[in-house]
């Protein structure tokens, strides 16, 4: 759960820190489309590469369903706006999205956990 929330908060921090936000705000539509088609998949792959070893170090087995299905469940939750009712609990929307990521990664981990 912490890994999913950490990934969302990390990407949010990278965006809100200024450089990424100012760069995205100043891009043209063609650059933005290129970013969506190339940058977004690269961000997802880098998140997978970061999450896998962290989960492995903490003894989570198997890792692959969590790093593959966690973002899918998170994306589905964001699309369906299941985090909207709890927005009032947080100072900004990104914290609610981090909670949704924690739930998504935790749920996938719970469903795919192999008992010894």
N, C-alpha and C. Protein backbone atom coordinates (compact mmCIF):
# COMPACT_ATOMS: atom_id res chain seq x y z
N UNK A 1 0.82 -1.18 0.00
CA UNK A 1 0.00 0.00 0.00
C UNK A 1 0.87 1.25 0.00
N UNK A 2 1.93 1.21 0.79
CA UNK A 2 2.82 2.37 0.89
C UNK A 2 3.52 2.63 -0.44
N UNK A 3 3.85 1.57 -1.16
CA UNK A 3 4.53 1.74 -2.45
C UNK A 3 3.61 2.44 -3.44
N UNK A 4 2.36 2.03 -3.52
CA UNK A 4 1.41 2.67 -4.43
C UNK A 4 1.20 4.13 -4.09
N UNK A 5 1.00 4.42 -2.81
CA UNK A 5 0.82 5.81 -2.38
C UNK A 5 2.09 6.61 -2.63
N UNK A 6 3.24 6.01 -2.36
CA UNK A 6 4.50 6.70 -2.58
C UNK A 6 4.74 7.05 -4.04
N UNK A 7 4.37 6.15 -4.94
CA UNK A 7 4.53 6.44 -6.36
C UNK A 7 3.67 7.62 -6.79
N UNK A 8 2.41 7.63 -6.34
CA UNK A 8 1.53 8.75 -6.70
C UNK A 8 2.05 10.05 -6.10
N UNK A 9 2.44 10.02 -4.84
CA UNK A 9 2.96 11.24 -4.21
C UNK A 9 4.26 11.69 -4.86
N UNK A 10 5.10 10.74 -5.26
CA UNK A 10 6.36 11.10 -5.93
C UNK A 10 6.13 11.78 -7.27
N UNK A 11 5.26 11.22 -8.08
CA UNK A 11 4.96 11.83 -9.38
C UNK A 11 4.25 13.17 -9.19
N UNK A 12 3.40 13.26 -8.18
CA UNK A 12 2.72 14.52 -7.89
C UNK A 12 3.73 15.58 -7.47
N UNK A 13 4.66 15.20 -6.61
CA UNK A 13 5.70 16.14 -6.17
C UNK A 13 6.53 16.60 -7.36
N UNK A 14 6.88 15.67 -8.26
CA UNK A 14 7.68 16.04 -9.44
C UNK A 14 6.92 17.04 -10.30
N UNK A 15 5.62 16.89 -10.40
CA UNK A 15 4.83 17.82 -11.19
C UNK A 15 4.68 19.17 -10.48
N UNK A 16 4.34 19.12 -9.22
CA UNK A 16 4.07 20.35 -8.47
C UNK A 16 5.34 21.12 -8.09
N UNK A 17 6.51 20.49 -8.16
CA UNK A 17 7.74 21.15 -7.74
C UNK A 17 8.09 22.36 -8.60
N UNK A 18 7.54 22.45 -9.77
CA UNK A 18 7.76 23.63 -10.58
C UNK A 18 8.30 23.34 -11.97
N UNK A 19 9.40 22.63 -12.05
CA UNK A 19 10.04 22.41 -13.35
C UNK A 19 9.12 21.67 -14.31
N UNK A 20 8.61 20.55 -13.87
CA UNK A 20 7.76 19.74 -14.75
C UNK A 20 6.47 20.48 -15.08
N UNK A 21 5.90 21.15 -14.09
CA UNK A 21 4.65 21.89 -14.31
C UNK A 21 4.87 23.05 -15.30
N UNK A 22 5.95 23.82 -15.11
CA UNK A 22 6.21 24.94 -16.02
C UNK A 22 6.53 24.44 -17.43
N UNK A 23 7.22 23.31 -17.53
CA UNK A 23 7.54 22.76 -18.84
C UNK A 23 6.28 22.30 -19.54
N UNK A 24 5.38 21.62 -18.81
CA UNK A 24 4.13 21.16 -19.43
C UNK A 24 3.23 22.32 -19.81
N UNK A 25 3.19 23.36 -19.00
CA UNK A 25 2.34 24.52 -19.30
C UNK A 25 2.82 25.28 -20.52
N UNK A 26 4.10 25.17 -20.86
CA UNK A 26 4.64 25.92 -21.99
C UNK A 26 4.77 25.09 -23.26
N UNK A 27 4.29 23.86 -23.26
CA UNK A 27 4.43 23.01 -24.44
C UNK A 27 3.30 23.26 -25.43
N UNK A 28 3.61 22.99 -26.67
CA UNK A 28 2.59 23.08 -27.72
C UNK A 28 1.75 21.80 -27.71
N UNK A 29 0.69 21.80 -28.47
CA UNK A 29 -0.19 20.62 -28.52
C UNK A 29 0.56 19.42 -29.07
N UNK A 30 1.39 19.59 -30.08
CA UNK A 30 2.11 18.45 -30.65
C UNK A 30 3.10 17.89 -29.64
N UNK A 31 3.76 18.76 -28.88
CA UNK A 31 4.68 18.29 -27.86
C UNK A 31 3.92 17.57 -26.75
N UNK A 32 2.76 18.10 -26.40
CA UNK A 32 1.95 17.47 -25.37
C UNK A 32 1.49 16.08 -25.80
N UNK A 33 1.06 15.94 -27.05
CA UNK A 33 0.65 14.62 -27.56
C UNK A 33 1.82 13.65 -27.57
N UNK A 34 2.99 14.14 -27.93
CA UNK A 34 4.19 13.31 -27.90
C UNK A 34 4.49 12.87 -26.47
N UNK A 35 4.31 13.79 -25.54
CA UNK A 35 4.52 13.47 -24.14
C UNK A 35 3.54 12.39 -23.67
N UNK A 36 2.29 12.51 -24.06
CA UNK A 36 1.28 11.53 -23.65
C UNK A 36 1.56 10.17 -24.27
N UNK A 37 1.96 10.16 -25.54
CA UNK A 37 2.18 8.88 -26.23
C UNK A 37 3.50 8.21 -25.85
N UNK A 38 4.50 8.99 -25.48
CA UNK A 38 5.80 8.42 -25.15
C UNK A 38 6.12 8.59 -23.66
N UNK A 39 5.91 9.79 -23.14
CA UNK A 39 6.27 10.08 -21.76
C UNK A 39 5.45 9.33 -20.73
N UNK A 40 4.15 9.22 -20.97
CA UNK A 40 3.29 8.53 -20.02
C UNK A 40 3.64 7.04 -19.91
N UNK A 41 3.82 6.33 -21.03
CA UNK A 41 4.27 4.93 -20.90
C UNK A 41 5.64 4.81 -20.24
N UNK A 42 6.54 5.74 -20.52
CA UNK A 42 7.85 5.70 -19.85
C UNK A 42 7.71 5.93 -18.35
N UNK A 43 6.81 6.81 -17.96
CA UNK A 43 6.58 7.04 -16.53
C UNK A 43 6.02 5.79 -15.87
N UNK A 44 5.11 5.11 -16.56
CA UNK A 44 4.54 3.89 -16.02
C UNK A 44 5.61 2.80 -15.89
N UNK A 45 6.43 2.64 -16.90
CA UNK A 45 7.50 1.64 -16.85
C UNK A 45 8.49 1.97 -15.74
N UNK A 46 8.84 3.24 -15.59
CA UNK A 46 9.78 3.60 -14.53
C UNK A 46 9.16 3.36 -13.16
N UNK A 47 7.86 3.58 -13.03
CA UNK A 47 7.18 3.27 -11.77
C UNK A 47 7.22 1.77 -11.48
N UNK A 48 7.03 0.97 -12.51
CA UNK A 48 7.10 -0.48 -12.35
C UNK A 48 8.50 -0.91 -11.94
N UNK A 49 9.49 -0.30 -12.55
CA UNK A 49 10.89 -0.64 -12.25
C UNK A 49 11.24 -0.23 -10.82
N UNK A 50 10.67 0.87 -10.35
CA UNK A 50 10.93 1.31 -8.98
C UNK A 50 10.16 0.46 -7.96
N UNK A 51 8.92 0.13 -8.26
CA UNK A 51 8.08 -0.59 -7.31
C UNK A 51 8.52 -2.03 -7.12
N UNK A 52 8.92 -2.69 -8.18
CA UNK A 52 9.29 -4.10 -8.11
C UNK A 52 10.37 -4.40 -7.09
N UNK A 53 11.53 -3.75 -7.18
CA UNK A 53 12.59 -4.02 -6.20
C UNK A 53 12.20 -3.63 -4.76
N UNK A 54 11.46 -2.56 -4.59
CA UNK A 54 11.05 -2.16 -3.24
C UNK A 54 10.16 -3.23 -2.63
N UNK A 55 9.19 -3.71 -3.39
CA UNK A 55 8.32 -4.76 -2.89
C UNK A 55 9.11 -6.04 -2.61
N UNK A 56 10.06 -6.35 -3.47
CA UNK A 56 10.88 -7.56 -3.30
C UNK A 56 11.70 -7.47 -2.01
N UNK A 57 12.27 -6.30 -1.75
CA UNK A 57 13.07 -6.10 -0.54
C UNK A 57 12.22 -6.31 0.71
N UNK A 58 10.97 -5.87 0.67
CA UNK A 58 10.09 -6.03 1.82
C UNK A 58 9.47 -7.42 1.90
N UNK A 59 9.87 -8.32 1.02
CA UNK A 59 9.44 -9.70 1.11
C UNK A 59 8.09 -9.99 0.51
N UNK A 60 7.59 -9.10 -0.31
CA UNK A 60 6.29 -9.32 -0.96
C UNK A 60 6.51 -10.29 -2.11
N UNK A 61 5.75 -11.38 -2.12
CA UNK A 61 5.83 -12.36 -3.18
C UNK A 61 4.43 -12.78 -3.57
N UNK A 62 4.08 -12.92 -4.78
CA UNK A 62 4.80 -12.52 -5.98
C UNK A 62 4.64 -11.01 -6.22
N UNK A 63 5.65 -10.44 -6.82
CA UNK A 63 5.68 -9.00 -7.06
C UNK A 63 4.96 -8.63 -8.35
N UNK A 64 5.11 -9.44 -9.39
CA UNK A 64 4.63 -9.04 -10.72
C UNK A 64 3.14 -8.72 -10.79
N UNK A 65 2.22 -9.44 -10.08
CA UNK A 65 0.82 -9.03 -10.21
C UNK A 65 0.57 -7.65 -9.61
N UNK A 66 1.28 -7.33 -8.56
CA UNK A 66 1.06 -6.04 -7.90
C UNK A 66 1.55 -4.90 -8.78
N UNK A 67 2.74 -5.06 -9.36
CA UNK A 67 3.27 -3.95 -10.17
C UNK A 67 2.56 -3.83 -11.51
N UNK A 68 1.93 -4.88 -11.97
CA UNK A 68 1.18 -4.80 -13.23
C UNK A 68 -0.29 -4.44 -13.03
N UNK A 69 -0.93 -5.05 -12.03
CA UNK A 69 -2.36 -4.84 -11.84
C UNK A 69 -2.68 -3.65 -10.92
N UNK A 70 -1.75 -3.27 -10.06
CA UNK A 70 -1.96 -2.11 -9.18
C UNK A 70 -2.25 -0.84 -9.96
N UNK A 71 -1.42 -0.49 -10.96
CA UNK A 71 -1.71 0.71 -11.75
C UNK A 71 -3.00 0.60 -12.56
N UNK A 72 -3.34 -0.61 -13.01
CA UNK A 72 -4.58 -0.80 -13.76
C UNK A 72 -5.77 -0.53 -12.86
N UNK A 73 -5.75 -1.09 -11.66
CA UNK A 73 -6.84 -0.86 -10.71
C UNK A 73 -6.89 0.61 -10.29
N UNK A 74 -5.74 1.22 -10.11
CA UNK A 74 -5.69 2.65 -9.79
C UNK A 74 -6.30 3.48 -10.92
N UNK A 75 -5.93 3.19 -12.14
CA UNK A 75 -6.49 3.91 -13.29
C UNK A 75 -7.98 3.74 -13.40
N UNK A 76 -8.46 2.53 -13.15
CA UNK A 76 -9.90 2.29 -13.17
C UNK A 76 -10.60 3.09 -12.08
N UNK A 77 -10.01 3.11 -10.90
CA UNK A 77 -10.58 3.88 -9.81
C UNK A 77 -10.60 5.38 -10.09
N UNK A 78 -9.53 5.87 -10.72
CA UNK A 78 -9.50 7.29 -11.09
C UNK A 78 -10.54 7.60 -12.16
N UNK A 79 -10.68 6.70 -13.12
CA UNK A 79 -11.66 6.89 -14.18
C UNK A 79 -13.08 6.92 -13.62
N UNK A 80 -13.36 6.01 -12.69
CA UNK A 80 -14.68 5.93 -12.08
C UNK A 80 -14.88 6.93 -10.94
N UNK A 81 -13.82 7.68 -10.62
CA UNK A 81 -13.84 8.72 -9.60
C UNK A 81 -14.32 8.20 -8.24
N UNK A 82 -13.82 7.03 -7.86
CA UNK A 82 -14.22 6.47 -6.57
C UNK A 82 -13.62 7.23 -5.39
N UNK A 83 -12.62 8.06 -5.64
CA UNK A 83 -12.00 8.84 -4.57
C UNK A 83 -12.69 10.18 -4.32
N UNK A 84 -13.64 10.54 -5.15
CA UNK A 84 -14.33 11.83 -5.02
C UNK A 84 -15.01 12.02 -3.66
N UNK A 85 -15.67 11.01 -3.08
CA UNK A 85 -16.33 11.24 -1.78
C UNK A 85 -15.38 11.60 -0.64
N UNK A 86 -14.11 11.23 -0.73
CA UNK A 86 -13.18 11.51 0.37
C UNK A 86 -12.30 12.74 0.12
N UNK A 87 -12.57 13.47 -0.94
CA UNK A 87 -11.75 14.65 -1.23
C UNK A 87 -11.77 15.68 -0.10
N UNK A 88 -12.88 15.79 0.59
CA UNK A 88 -13.00 16.74 1.69
C UNK A 88 -12.11 16.43 2.88
N UNK A 89 -11.63 15.20 2.98
CA UNK A 89 -10.78 14.80 4.09
C UNK A 89 -9.34 15.29 3.93
N UNK A 90 -8.96 15.67 2.71
CA UNK A 90 -7.57 15.97 2.41
C UNK A 90 -7.39 17.43 2.01
N UNK A 91 -6.15 17.89 2.13
CA UNK A 91 -5.85 19.29 1.79
C UNK A 91 -5.81 19.50 0.27
N UNK A 92 -5.52 18.46 -0.48
CA UNK A 92 -5.59 18.58 -1.94
C UNK A 92 -5.96 17.23 -2.56
N UNK A 93 -6.30 17.26 -3.80
CA UNK A 93 -6.80 16.08 -4.51
C UNK A 93 -5.74 14.99 -4.65
N UNK A 94 -4.47 15.36 -4.68
CA UNK A 94 -3.41 14.37 -4.86
C UNK A 94 -3.30 13.43 -3.66
N UNK A 95 -3.63 13.92 -2.48
CA UNK A 95 -3.59 13.04 -1.31
C UNK A 95 -4.71 12.01 -1.39
N UNK A 96 -5.86 12.40 -1.89
CA UNK A 96 -6.95 11.43 -2.08
C UNK A 96 -6.56 10.40 -3.15
N UNK A 97 -5.86 10.84 -4.19
CA UNK A 97 -5.39 9.91 -5.21
C UNK A 97 -4.34 8.96 -4.65
N UNK A 98 -3.51 9.44 -3.74
CA UNK A 98 -2.52 8.57 -3.08
C UNK A 98 -3.22 7.52 -2.23
N UNK A 99 -4.30 7.91 -1.55
CA UNK A 99 -5.08 6.94 -0.79
C UNK A 99 -5.68 5.89 -1.71
N UNK A 100 -6.19 6.32 -2.85
CA UNK A 100 -6.74 5.38 -3.83
C UNK A 100 -5.65 4.43 -4.33
N UNK A 101 -4.45 4.96 -4.57
CA UNK A 101 -3.33 4.11 -5.00
C UNK A 101 -2.98 3.10 -3.92
N UNK A 102 -2.98 3.53 -2.67
CA UNK A 102 -2.69 2.61 -1.56
C UNK A 102 -3.73 1.48 -1.51
N UNK A 103 -4.98 1.84 -1.69
CA UNK A 103 -6.04 0.82 -1.68
C UNK A 103 -5.90 -0.11 -2.88
N UNK A 104 -5.61 0.44 -4.05
CA UNK A 104 -5.47 -0.38 -5.27
C UNK A 104 -4.32 -1.36 -5.14
N UNK A 105 -3.14 -0.88 -4.75
CA UNK A 105 -1.99 -1.76 -4.61
C UNK A 105 -2.21 -2.77 -3.48
N UNK A 106 -2.80 -2.31 -2.38
CA UNK A 106 -3.07 -3.21 -1.26
C UNK A 106 -4.06 -4.30 -1.61
N UNK A 107 -5.11 -3.94 -2.35
CA UNK A 107 -6.11 -4.92 -2.75
C UNK A 107 -5.52 -5.97 -3.69
N UNK A 108 -4.74 -5.52 -4.65
CA UNK A 108 -4.10 -6.48 -5.56
C UNK A 108 -3.13 -7.38 -4.78
N UNK A 109 -2.38 -6.78 -3.86
CA UNK A 109 -1.47 -7.57 -3.04
C UNK A 109 -2.20 -8.60 -2.20
N UNK A 110 -3.32 -8.21 -1.64
CA UNK A 110 -4.12 -9.11 -0.82
C UNK A 110 -4.68 -10.27 -1.65
N UNK A 111 -5.16 -9.95 -2.85
CA UNK A 111 -5.77 -10.97 -3.70
C UNK A 111 -4.75 -11.92 -4.32
N UNK A 112 -3.50 -11.47 -4.47
CA UNK A 112 -2.51 -12.31 -5.14
C UNK A 112 -1.47 -12.90 -4.19
N UNK A 113 -1.62 -12.64 -2.91
CA UNK A 113 -0.66 -13.12 -1.91
C UNK A 113 -0.67 -14.64 -1.85
N UNK A 114 0.53 -15.23 -1.90
CA UNK A 114 0.64 -16.69 -1.81
C UNK A 114 1.02 -17.05 -0.37
N UNK A 115 0.17 -17.83 0.24
CA UNK A 115 0.45 -18.27 1.61
C UNK A 115 1.39 -19.46 1.57
N UNK A 116 2.34 -19.46 2.47
CA UNK A 116 3.33 -20.56 2.50
C UNK A 116 2.77 -21.78 3.18
